[in-house]
Amino acid sequence: MTKPKILNNEAERLHVFRAFKILDTSHEERFDRVTRIAKRMFNVFISLLR
């Protein structure tokens, strides 16, 4: 397995997440539902929203 590369704008990306207060929030069922559907549709082990 290869490690993901860290983008040049990682600090800026984290700053935006913190500004919108969406980093490390509790789960939301509506997003969980979307990822479960995607997981089944694409027959993969994990599905993420980005």
PDB file of N, CA and C in Angstrom:
ATOM      1  N   MET A   1       0.852  -1.178   0.000  1.00  0.00           N
ATOM      2  CA  MET A   1       0.000   0.000   0.000  1.00  0.00           C
ATOM      3  C   MET A   1       0.897   1.239   0.000  1.00  0.00           C
ATOM      4  N   THR A   2       0.573   2.198  -0.834  1.00  0.00           N
ATOM      5  CA  THR A   2       1.350   3.429  -0.873  1.00  0.00           C
ATOM      6  C   THR A   2       0.737   4.465   0.061  1.00  0.00           C
ATOM      7  N   LYS A   3       1.592   5.278   0.619  1.00  0.00           N
ATOM      8  CA  LYS A   3       1.126   6.349   1.501  1.00  0.00           C
ATOM      9  C   LYS A   3       0.576   7.490   0.661  1.00  0.00           C
ATOM     10  N   PRO A   4      -0.501   8.110   1.104  1.00  0.00           N
ATOM     11  CA  PRO A   4      -1.012   9.268   0.354  1.00  0.00           C
ATOM     12  C   PRO A   4      -0.053  10.439   0.481  1.00  0.00           C
ATOM     13  N   LYS A   5       0.083  11.185  -0.586  1.00  0.00           N
ATOM     14  CA  LYS A   5       0.972  12.346  -0.508  1.00  0.00           C
ATOM     15  C   LYS A   5       0.273  13.482   0.221  1.00  0.00           C
ATOM     16  N   ILE A   6       1.038  14.276   0.921  1.00  0.00           N
ATOM     17  CA  ILE A   6       0.500  15.443   1.616  1.00  0.00           C
ATOM     18  C   ILE A   6       0.548  16.608   0.635  1.00  0.00           C
ATOM     19  N   LEU A   7      -0.586  17.219   0.439  1.00  0.00           N
ATOM     20  CA  LEU A   7      -0.673  18.316  -0.519  1.00  0.00           C
ATOM     21  C   LEU A   7       0.031  19.556  -0.007  1.00  0.00           C
ATOM     22  N   ASN A   8       0.410  20.408  -0.920  1.00  0.00           N
ATOM     23  CA  ASN A   8       1.107  21.645  -0.558  1.00  0.00           C
ATOM     24  C   ASN A   8       0.230  22.594   0.245  1.00  0.00           C
ATOM     25  N   ASN A   9      -1.088  22.474   0.104  1.00  0.00           N
ATOM     26  CA  ASN A   9      -1.998  23.404   0.768  1.00  0.00           C
ATOM     27  C   ASN A   9      -2.666  22.774   1.998  1.00  0.00           C
ATOM     28  N   GLU A  10      -2.013  21.812   2.629  1.00  0.00           N
ATOM     29  CA  GLU A  10      -2.626  21.115   3.765  1.00  0.00           C
ATOM     30  C   GLU A  10      -2.972  22.074   4.904  1.00  0.00           C
ATOM     31  N   ALA A  11      -2.093  23.000   5.225  1.00  0.00           N
ATOM     32  CA  ALA A  11      -2.368  23.951   6.305  1.00  0.00           C
ATOM     33  C   ALA A  11      -3.583  24.813   5.973  1.00  0.00           C
ATOM     34  N   GLU A  12      -3.669  25.253   4.734  1.00  0.00           N
ATOM     35  CA  GLU A  12      -4.815  26.063   4.306  1.00  0.00           C
ATOM     36  C   GLU A  12      -6.108  25.241   4.347  1.00  0.00           C
ATOM     37  N   ARG A  13      -6.035  24.002   3.894  1.00  0.00           N
ATOM     38  CA  ARG A  13      -7.208  23.114   3.899  1.00  0.00           C
ATOM     39  C   ARG A  13      -7.727  22.921   5.314  1.00  0.00           C
ATOM     40  N   LEU A  14      -6.828  22.657   6.262  1.00  0.00           N
ATOM     41  CA  LEU A  14      -7.236  22.484   7.656  1.00  0.00           C
ATOM     42  C   LEU A  14      -7.811  23.771   8.229  1.00  0.00           C
ATOM     43  N   HIS A  15      -7.241  24.894   7.856  1.00  0.00           N
ATOM     44  CA  HIS A  15      -7.746  26.191   8.318  1.00  0.00           C
ATOM     45  C   HIS A  15      -9.200  26.390   7.875  1.00  0.00           C
ATOM     46  N   VAL A  16      -9.499  26.043   6.633  1.00  0.00           N
ATOM     47  CA  VAL A  16     -10.867  26.186   6.113  1.00  0.00           C
ATOM     48  C   VAL A  16     -11.819  25.268   6.875  1.00  0.00           C
ATOM     49  N   PHE A  17     -11.410  24.016   7.110  1.00  0.00           N
ATOM     50  CA  PHE A  17     -12.253  23.094   7.880  1.00  0.00           C
ATOM     51  C   PHE A  17     -12.536  23.649   9.272  1.00  0.00           C
ATOM     52  N   ARG A  18     -11.517  24.184   9.903  1.00  0.00           N
ATOM     53  CA  ARG A  18     -11.709  24.742  11.257  1.00  0.00           C
ATOM     54  C   ARG A  18     -12.589  25.988  11.218  1.00  0.00           C
ATOM     55  N   ALA A  19     -12.434  26.806  10.196  1.00  0.00           N
ATOM     56  CA  ALA A  19     -13.233  28.024  10.077  1.00  0.00           C
ATOM     57  C   ALA A  19     -14.724  27.698   9.930  1.00  0.00           C
ATOM     58  N   PHE A  20     -15.030  26.624   9.213  1.00  0.00           N
ATOM     59  CA  PHE A  20     -16.419  26.218   9.025  1.00  0.00           C
ATOM     60  C   PHE A  20     -16.915  25.298  10.135  1.00  0.00           C
ATOM     61  N   LYS A  21     -16.021  25.008  11.088  1.00  0.00           N
ATOM     62  CA  LYS A  21     -16.348  24.145  12.232  1.00  0.00           C
ATOM     63  C   LYS A  21     -16.911  22.794  11.794  1.00  0.00           C
ATOM     64  N   ILE A  22     -16.234  22.193  10.795  1.00  0.00           N
ATOM     65  CA  ILE A  22     -16.673  20.882  10.309  1.00  0.00           C
ATOM     66  C   ILE A  22     -15.612  19.807  10.524  1.00  0.00           C
ATOM     67  N   LEU A  23     -14.556  20.137  11.208  1.00  0.00           N
ATOM     68  CA  LEU A  23     -13.508  19.160  11.484  1.00  0.00           C
ATOM     69  C   LEU A  23     -13.795  18.493  12.821  1.00  0.00           C
ATOM     70  N   ASP A  24     -13.711  17.169  12.848  1.00  0.00           N
ATOM     71  CA  ASP A  24     -13.925  16.391  14.074  1.00  0.00           C
ATOM     72  C   ASP A  24     -15.306  16.607  14.694  1.00  0.00           C
ATOM     73  N   THR A  25     -16.320  16.652  13.852  1.00  0.00           N
ATOM     74  CA  THR A  25     -17.692  16.771  14.342  1.00  0.00           C
ATOM     75  C   THR A  25     -18.291  15.380  14.533  1.00  0.00           C
ATOM     76  N   SER A  26     -19.386  15.302  15.229  1.00  0.00           N
ATOM     77  CA  SER A  26     -20.036  14.006  15.410  1.00  0.00           C
ATOM     78  C   SER A  26     -20.662  13.562  14.090  1.00  0.00           C
ATOM     79  N   HIS A  27     -20.956  12.276  14.007  1.00  0.00           N
ATOM     80  CA  HIS A  27     -21.498  11.753  12.751  1.00  0.00           C
ATOM     81  C   HIS A  27     -22.900  12.306  12.487  1.00  0.00           C
ATOM     82  N   GLU A  28     -23.247  12.339  11.205  1.00  0.00           N
ATOM     83  CA  GLU A  28     -24.585  12.762  10.792  1.00  0.00           C
ATOM     84  C   GLU A  28     -25.166  11.660   9.926  1.00  0.00           C
ATOM     85  N   GLU A  29     -26.340  11.189  10.301  1.00  0.00           N
ATOM     86  CA  GLU A  29     -26.960  10.048   9.633  1.00  0.00           C
ATOM     87  C   GLU A  29     -27.102  10.252   8.128  1.00  0.00           C
ATOM     88  N   ARG A  30     -27.424  11.466   7.692  1.00  0.00           N
ATOM     89  CA  ARG A  30     -27.624  11.680   6.254  1.00  0.00           C
ATOM     90  C   ARG A  30     -26.344  11.427   5.463  1.00  0.00           C
ATOM     91  N   PHE A  31     -25.189  11.787   6.024  1.00  0.00           N
ATOM     92  CA  PHE A  31     -23.930  11.520   5.339  1.00  0.00           C
ATOM     93  C   PHE A  31     -23.557  10.047   5.445  1.00  0.00           C
ATOM     94  N   ASP A  32     -23.842   9.445   6.586  1.00  0.00           N
ATOM     95  CA  ASP A  32     -23.591   8.013   6.751  1.00  0.00           C
ATOM     96  C   ASP A  32     -24.387   7.226   5.714  1.00  0.00           C
ATOM     97  N   ARG A  33     -25.611   7.637   5.472  1.00  0.00           N
ATOM     98  CA  ARG A  33     -26.470   6.952   4.502  1.00  0.00           C
ATOM     99  C   ARG A  33     -25.865   7.033   3.098  1.00  0.00           C
ATOM    100  N   VAL A  34     -25.367   8.204   2.726  1.00  0.00           N
ATOM    101  CA  VAL A  34     -24.761   8.377   1.399  1.00  0.00           C
ATOM    102  C   VAL A  34     -23.537   7.482   1.250  1.00  0.00           C
ATOM    103  N   THR A  35     -22.706   7.420   2.276  1.00  0.00           N
ATOM    104  CA  THR A  35     -21.505   6.597   2.168  1.00  0.00           C
ATOM    105  C   THR A  35     -21.847   5.108   2.139  1.00  0.00           C
ATOM    106  N   ARG A  36     -22.887   4.692   2.851  1.00  0.00           N
ATOM    107  CA  ARG A  36     -23.302   3.279   2.795  1.00  0.00           C
ATOM    108  C   ARG A  36     -23.795   2.922   1.390  1.00  0.00           C
ATOM    109  N   ILE A  37     -24.563   3.822   0.784  1.00  0.00           N
ATOM    110  CA  ILE A  37     -25.056   3.578  -0.579  1.00  0.00           C
ATOM    111  C   ILE A  37     -23.882   3.483  -1.554  1.00  0.00           C
ATOM    112  N   ALA A  38     -22.942   4.416  -1.460  1.00  0.00           N
ATOM    113  CA  ALA A  38     -21.784   4.399  -2.355  1.00  0.00           C
ATOM    114  C   ALA A  38     -20.961   3.128  -2.156  1.00  0.00           C
ATOM    115  N   LYS A  39     -20.808   2.713  -0.922  1.00  0.00           N
ATOM    116  CA  LYS A  39     -20.045   1.498  -0.619  1.00  0.00           C
ATOM    117  C   LYS A  39     -20.672   0.288  -1.313  1.00  0.00           C
ATOM    118  N   ARG A  40     -21.998   0.182  -1.240  1.00  0.00           N
ATOM    119  CA  ARG A  40     -22.697  -0.935  -1.893  1.00  0.00           C
ATOM    120  C   ARG A  40     -22.645  -0.821  -3.414  1.00  0.00           C
ATOM    121  N   MET A  41     -22.849   0.385  -3.937  1.00  0.00           N
ATOM    122  CA  MET A  41     -22.875   0.577  -5.392  1.00  0.00           C
ATOM    123  C   MET A  41     -21.545   0.213  -6.044  1.00  0.00           C
ATOM    124  N   PHE A  42     -20.448   0.614  -5.395  1.00  0.00           N
ATOM    125  CA  PHE A  42     -19.131   0.408  -5.988  1.00  0.00           C
ATOM    126  C   PHE A  42     -18.417  -0.826  -5.450  1.00  0.00           C
ATOM    127  N   ASN A  43     -19.091  -1.553  -4.547  1.00  0.00           N
ATOM    128  CA  ASN A  43     -18.559  -2.795  -3.988  1.00  0.00           C
ATOM    129  C   ASN A  43     -17.135  -2.592  -3.447  1.00  0.00           C
ATOM    130  N   VAL A  44     -16.996  -1.608  -2.548  1.00  0.00           N
ATOM    131  CA  VAL A  44     -15.703  -1.288  -1.934  1.00  0.00           C
ATOM    132  C   VAL A  44     -15.802  -1.445  -0.420  1.00  0.00           C
ATOM    133  N   PHE A  45     -14.656  -1.491   0.240  1.00  0.00           N
ATOM    134  CA  PHE A  45     -14.623  -1.674   1.686  1.00  0.00           C
ATOM    135  C   PHE A  45     -14.904  -0.392   2.457  1.00  0.00           C
ATOM    136  N   ILE A  46     -14.598   0.749   1.855  1.00  0.00           N
ATOM    137  CA  ILE A  46     -14.771   2.023   2.545  1.00  0.00           C
ATOM    138  C   ILE A  46     -15.230   3.085   1.556  1.00  0.00           C
ATOM    139  N   SER A  47     -16.015   4.017   2.038  1.00  0.00           N
ATOM    140  CA  SER A  47     -16.489   5.119   1.218  1.00  0.00           C
ATOM    141  C   SER A  47     -16.406   6.389   2.069  1.00  0.00           C
ATOM    142  N   LEU A  48     -15.908   7.454   1.478  1.00  0.00           N
ATOM    143  CA  LEU A  48     -15.725   8.718   2.194  1.00  0.00           C
ATOM    144  C   LEU A  48     -16.336   9.871   1.418  1.00  0.00           C
ATOM    145  N   LEU A  49     -16.791  10.859   2.135  1.00  0.00           N
ATOM    146  CA  LEU A  49     -17.216  12.115   1.510  1.00  0.00           C
ATOM    147  C   LEU A  49     -16.108  13.111   1.690  1.00  0.00           C
ATOM    148  N   ARG A  50     -15.824  13.807   0.630  1.00  0.00           N
ATOM    149  CA  ARG A  50     -14.740  14.785   0.716  1.00  0.00           C
ATOM    150  C   ARG A  50     -15.226  16.100   0.189  1.00  0.00           C
TER     151      ARG A  50
END
